[in-house]
């Protein structure tokens, strides 16, 4: 809200079984919903935002062993700056 953001999430999980059904996968549409809902809440720090996103996604599916979340703020309010800023967090479970 109040800016343009790009969010990327990379999730790693382990399984010994061949994946043959949708139920054996992580529901990426649901993960998108978590991200979309969380992004609608104004948060002063990108660092707080990536931590919250990683934790909320993990709670959704505890098969996840590692999450990398990055949030890029496309137009930061920094005088004389052109470009973007981003924060990336990698968290292992």
N, C-alpha and C. Protein backbone atom coordinates (compact mmCIF):
# COMPACT_ATOMS: atom_id res chain seq x y z
N UNK A 1 0.86 -1.18 0.00
CA UNK A 1 0.00 0.00 0.00
C UNK A 1 0.90 1.23 0.00
N UNK A 2 0.61 2.16 -0.90
CA UNK A 2 1.39 3.37 -0.96
C UNK A 2 2.66 3.23 -1.78
N UNK A 3 2.92 2.08 -2.36
CA UNK A 3 4.10 1.87 -3.18
C UNK A 3 3.87 0.62 -4.02
N UNK A 4 4.81 0.33 -4.88
CA UNK A 4 4.75 -0.90 -5.68
C UNK A 4 5.81 -1.85 -5.16
N UNK A 5 5.40 -3.10 -4.93
CA UNK A 5 6.30 -4.11 -4.39
C UNK A 5 6.32 -5.33 -5.29
N UNK A 6 7.45 -6.01 -5.29
CA UNK A 6 7.54 -7.32 -5.91
C UNK A 6 7.97 -8.30 -4.83
N UNK A 7 7.21 -9.38 -4.70
CA UNK A 7 7.49 -10.39 -3.68
C UNK A 7 7.83 -11.69 -4.36
N UNK A 8 8.91 -12.32 -3.92
CA UNK A 8 9.29 -13.64 -4.41
C UNK A 8 9.46 -14.56 -3.22
N UNK A 9 8.96 -15.77 -3.36
CA UNK A 9 9.10 -16.77 -2.31
C UNK A 9 9.58 -18.07 -2.94
N UNK A 10 10.61 -18.63 -2.35
CA UNK A 10 11.14 -19.92 -2.78
C UNK A 10 11.03 -20.87 -1.60
N UNK A 11 10.37 -22.00 -1.82
CA UNK A 11 10.10 -22.95 -0.75
C UNK A 11 10.78 -24.27 -1.07
N UNK A 12 11.41 -24.86 -0.07
CA UNK A 12 12.02 -26.17 -0.25
C UNK A 12 11.38 -27.13 0.73
N UNK A 13 11.04 -28.31 0.23
CA UNK A 13 10.50 -29.34 1.10
C UNK A 13 11.10 -30.67 0.69
N UNK A 14 11.01 -31.64 1.58
CA UNK A 14 11.59 -32.95 1.32
C UNK A 14 10.51 -34.01 1.29
N UNK A 15 10.71 -34.95 0.40
CA UNK A 15 9.84 -36.12 0.35
C UNK A 15 10.63 -37.28 -0.22
N UNK A 16 10.39 -38.45 0.29
CA UNK A 16 11.02 -39.65 -0.24
C UNK A 16 10.16 -40.32 -1.30
N UNK A 17 8.89 -39.94 -1.32
CA UNK A 17 7.94 -40.56 -2.24
C UNK A 17 7.87 -39.80 -3.56
N UNK A 18 7.65 -40.51 -4.66
CA UNK A 18 7.42 -39.82 -5.93
C UNK A 18 6.15 -38.97 -5.83
N UNK A 19 6.21 -37.79 -6.35
CA UNK A 19 5.05 -36.90 -6.29
C UNK A 19 4.16 -37.20 -7.48
N UNK A 20 2.94 -37.65 -7.17
CA UNK A 20 2.01 -38.04 -8.22
C UNK A 20 0.65 -37.36 -8.10
N UNK A 21 0.40 -36.71 -6.96
CA UNK A 21 -0.89 -36.06 -6.78
C UNK A 21 -0.70 -34.65 -6.27
N UNK A 22 -1.69 -33.82 -6.51
CA UNK A 22 -1.65 -32.43 -6.06
C UNK A 22 -1.55 -32.32 -4.55
N UNK A 23 -2.14 -33.27 -3.83
CA UNK A 23 -2.11 -33.24 -2.37
C UNK A 23 -0.70 -33.41 -1.81
N UNK A 24 0.20 -33.97 -2.61
CA UNK A 24 1.57 -34.18 -2.17
C UNK A 24 2.44 -32.93 -2.36
N UNK A 25 1.88 -31.90 -2.99
CA UNK A 25 2.64 -30.69 -3.28
C UNK A 25 2.26 -29.59 -2.31
N UNK A 26 3.00 -28.51 -2.38
CA UNK A 26 2.64 -27.30 -1.62
C UNK A 26 1.69 -26.50 -2.49
N UNK A 27 0.59 -26.06 -1.92
CA UNK A 27 -0.44 -25.33 -2.65
C UNK A 27 0.03 -23.89 -2.88
N UNK A 28 0.62 -23.64 -4.03
CA UNK A 28 1.18 -22.33 -4.31
C UNK A 28 0.12 -21.26 -4.49
N UNK A 29 -1.08 -21.63 -4.86
CA UNK A 29 -2.18 -20.66 -4.91
C UNK A 29 -2.51 -20.17 -3.50
N UNK A 30 -2.48 -21.08 -2.54
CA UNK A 30 -2.72 -20.70 -1.15
C UNK A 30 -1.57 -19.85 -0.62
N UNK A 31 -0.34 -20.18 -1.00
CA UNK A 31 0.82 -19.37 -0.59
C UNK A 31 0.67 -17.96 -1.15
N UNK A 32 0.24 -17.85 -2.39
CA UNK A 32 0.00 -16.53 -2.99
C UNK A 32 -1.05 -15.77 -2.17
N UNK A 33 -2.10 -16.46 -1.74
CA UNK A 33 -3.14 -15.83 -0.93
C UNK A 33 -2.58 -15.30 0.39
N UNK A 34 -1.69 -16.05 1.01
CA UNK A 34 -1.04 -15.60 2.26
C UNK A 34 -0.23 -14.34 2.00
N UNK A 35 0.53 -14.35 0.91
CA UNK A 35 1.35 -13.18 0.57
C UNK A 35 0.46 -11.98 0.26
N UNK A 36 -0.57 -12.19 -0.53
CA UNK A 36 -1.46 -11.09 -0.90
C UNK A 36 -2.12 -10.48 0.34
N UNK A 37 -2.59 -11.32 1.23
CA UNK A 37 -3.24 -10.82 2.45
C UNK A 37 -2.25 -10.05 3.31
N UNK A 38 -1.05 -10.59 3.49
CA UNK A 38 -0.05 -9.92 4.34
C UNK A 38 0.42 -8.61 3.74
N UNK A 39 0.50 -8.54 2.42
CA UNK A 39 0.95 -7.32 1.75
C UNK A 39 -0.08 -6.20 1.86
N UNK A 40 -1.31 -6.52 2.23
CA UNK A 40 -2.34 -5.48 2.39
C UNK A 40 -2.25 -4.79 3.75
N UNK A 41 -1.33 -5.26 4.60
CA UNK A 41 -1.13 -4.67 5.93
C UNK A 41 0.12 -3.79 5.87
N UNK A 42 -0.06 -2.49 6.11
CA UNK A 42 1.09 -1.58 6.09
C UNK A 42 2.08 -1.99 7.17
N UNK A 43 3.35 -2.07 6.77
CA UNK A 43 4.41 -2.47 7.68
C UNK A 43 5.60 -1.54 7.45
N UNK A 44 6.08 -0.88 8.50
CA UNK A 44 7.14 0.11 8.31
C UNK A 44 8.47 -0.45 7.80
N UNK A 45 8.81 -1.69 8.17
CA UNK A 45 10.12 -2.23 7.81
C UNK A 45 9.99 -3.44 6.90
N UNK A 46 10.76 -3.44 5.82
CA UNK A 46 10.77 -4.60 4.93
C UNK A 46 11.28 -5.84 5.67
N UNK A 47 12.20 -5.65 6.60
CA UNK A 47 12.74 -6.77 7.36
C UNK A 47 11.65 -7.47 8.17
N UNK A 48 10.79 -6.69 8.79
CA UNK A 48 9.66 -7.25 9.54
C UNK A 48 8.73 -8.00 8.59
N UNK A 49 8.50 -7.41 7.44
CA UNK A 49 7.59 -8.01 6.46
C UNK A 49 8.09 -9.37 5.99
N UNK A 50 9.38 -9.49 5.63
CA UNK A 50 9.87 -10.78 5.15
C UNK A 50 9.87 -11.84 6.26
N UNK A 51 10.15 -11.42 7.50
CA UNK A 51 10.08 -12.36 8.61
C UNK A 51 8.66 -12.87 8.81
N UNK A 52 7.70 -11.96 8.78
CA UNK A 52 6.30 -12.35 8.95
C UNK A 52 5.83 -13.27 7.83
N UNK A 53 6.19 -12.95 6.60
CA UNK A 53 5.80 -13.78 5.47
C UNK A 53 6.37 -15.20 5.62
N UNK A 54 7.65 -15.31 5.95
CA UNK A 54 8.27 -16.63 6.10
C UNK A 54 7.56 -17.43 7.18
N UNK A 55 7.28 -16.80 8.31
CA UNK A 55 6.62 -17.51 9.41
C UNK A 55 5.20 -17.93 9.05
N UNK A 56 4.45 -17.05 8.39
CA UNK A 56 3.07 -17.37 8.04
C UNK A 56 3.00 -18.49 7.00
N UNK A 57 3.91 -18.49 6.06
CA UNK A 57 3.93 -19.55 5.04
C UNK A 57 4.30 -20.88 5.70
N UNK A 58 5.26 -20.86 6.61
CA UNK A 58 5.65 -22.10 7.29
C UNK A 58 4.49 -22.67 8.12
N UNK A 59 3.76 -21.83 8.80
CA UNK A 59 2.62 -22.29 9.60
C UNK A 59 1.59 -22.97 8.69
N UNK A 60 1.45 -22.47 7.48
CA UNK A 60 0.50 -23.04 6.52
C UNK A 60 0.87 -24.47 6.15
N UNK A 61 2.18 -24.74 5.96
CA UNK A 61 2.60 -26.08 5.54
C UNK A 61 3.94 -26.41 6.19
N UNK A 62 3.89 -27.19 7.23
CA UNK A 62 5.10 -27.49 8.01
C UNK A 62 6.01 -28.53 7.36
N UNK A 63 5.67 -28.97 6.17
CA UNK A 63 6.60 -29.83 5.43
C UNK A 63 7.76 -29.02 4.87
N UNK A 64 7.61 -27.70 4.87
CA UNK A 64 8.64 -26.82 4.33
C UNK A 64 9.87 -26.90 5.22
N UNK A 65 11.02 -27.07 4.61
CA UNK A 65 12.29 -27.13 5.34
C UNK A 65 13.09 -25.84 5.22
N UNK A 66 12.82 -25.05 4.19
CA UNK A 66 13.55 -23.80 3.99
C UNK A 66 12.68 -22.84 3.19
N UNK A 67 12.72 -21.58 3.57
CA UNK A 67 11.98 -20.54 2.84
C UNK A 67 12.94 -19.39 2.57
N UNK A 68 12.90 -18.89 1.36
CA UNK A 68 13.59 -17.64 1.03
C UNK A 68 12.52 -16.68 0.52
N UNK A 69 12.41 -15.54 1.19
CA UNK A 69 11.42 -14.53 0.82
C UNK A 69 12.16 -13.24 0.54
N UNK A 70 11.83 -12.61 -0.58
CA UNK A 70 12.38 -11.29 -0.86
C UNK A 70 11.25 -10.34 -1.21
N UNK A 71 11.39 -9.12 -0.73
CA UNK A 71 10.43 -8.06 -1.04
C UNK A 71 11.22 -6.89 -1.60
N UNK A 72 10.85 -6.46 -2.78
CA UNK A 72 11.49 -5.32 -3.44
C UNK A 72 10.52 -4.15 -3.46
N UNK A 73 10.96 -3.03 -2.94
CA UNK A 73 10.17 -1.79 -2.97
C UNK A 73 10.63 -1.02 -4.20
N UNK A 74 9.73 -0.88 -5.17
CA UNK A 74 10.10 -0.35 -6.48
C UNK A 74 10.44 1.14 -6.47
N UNK A 75 9.77 1.93 -5.66
CA UNK A 75 9.99 3.38 -5.64
C UNK A 75 10.16 3.88 -4.22
N UNK A 76 11.30 3.61 -3.59
CA UNK A 76 11.47 4.04 -2.20
C UNK A 76 11.53 5.56 -2.09
N UNK A 77 11.01 6.09 -1.00
CA UNK A 77 11.01 7.55 -0.83
C UNK A 77 12.36 8.05 -0.33
N UNK A 78 13.38 7.94 -1.18
CA UNK A 78 14.73 8.39 -0.85
C UNK A 78 15.10 9.49 -1.82
N UNK A 79 15.44 10.64 -1.28
CA UNK A 79 15.76 11.81 -2.10
C UNK A 79 16.89 11.50 -3.07
N UNK A 80 16.69 11.89 -4.32
CA UNK A 80 17.66 11.76 -5.41
C UNK A 80 18.01 10.32 -5.76
N UNK A 81 17.24 9.37 -5.32
CA UNK A 81 17.52 7.97 -5.65
C UNK A 81 16.59 7.50 -6.75
N UNK A 82 17.17 6.83 -7.73
CA UNK A 82 16.39 6.15 -8.75
C UNK A 82 16.68 4.66 -8.61
N UNK A 83 15.66 3.86 -8.65
CA UNK A 83 15.86 2.44 -8.51
C UNK A 83 14.96 1.87 -7.42
N UNK A 84 15.38 0.75 -6.89
CA UNK A 84 14.57 0.06 -5.90
C UNK A 84 15.46 -0.41 -4.76
N UNK A 85 14.82 -0.84 -3.68
CA UNK A 85 15.53 -1.46 -2.56
C UNK A 85 14.83 -2.78 -2.27
N UNK A 86 15.58 -3.73 -1.74
CA UNK A 86 14.96 -5.02 -1.42
C UNK A 86 15.62 -5.65 -0.21
N UNK A 87 14.87 -6.55 0.40
CA UNK A 87 15.36 -7.32 1.54
C UNK A 87 15.03 -8.78 1.25
N UNK A 88 15.99 -9.64 1.53
CA UNK A 88 15.81 -11.08 1.35
C UNK A 88 16.12 -11.78 2.66
N UNK A 89 15.27 -12.73 3.02
CA UNK A 89 15.48 -13.53 4.22
C UNK A 89 15.42 -15.01 3.83
N UNK A 90 16.41 -15.76 4.28
CA UNK A 90 16.37 -17.22 4.13
C UNK A 90 16.25 -17.80 5.52
N UNK A 91 15.27 -18.67 5.70
CA UNK A 91 15.03 -19.26 7.01
C UNK A 91 14.88 -20.76 6.85
N UNK A 92 15.62 -21.50 7.66
CA UNK A 92 15.56 -22.95 7.66
C UNK A 92 14.72 -23.42 8.84
N UNK A 93 13.99 -24.50 8.64
CA UNK A 93 13.16 -25.06 9.71
C UNK A 93 13.55 -26.49 9.98
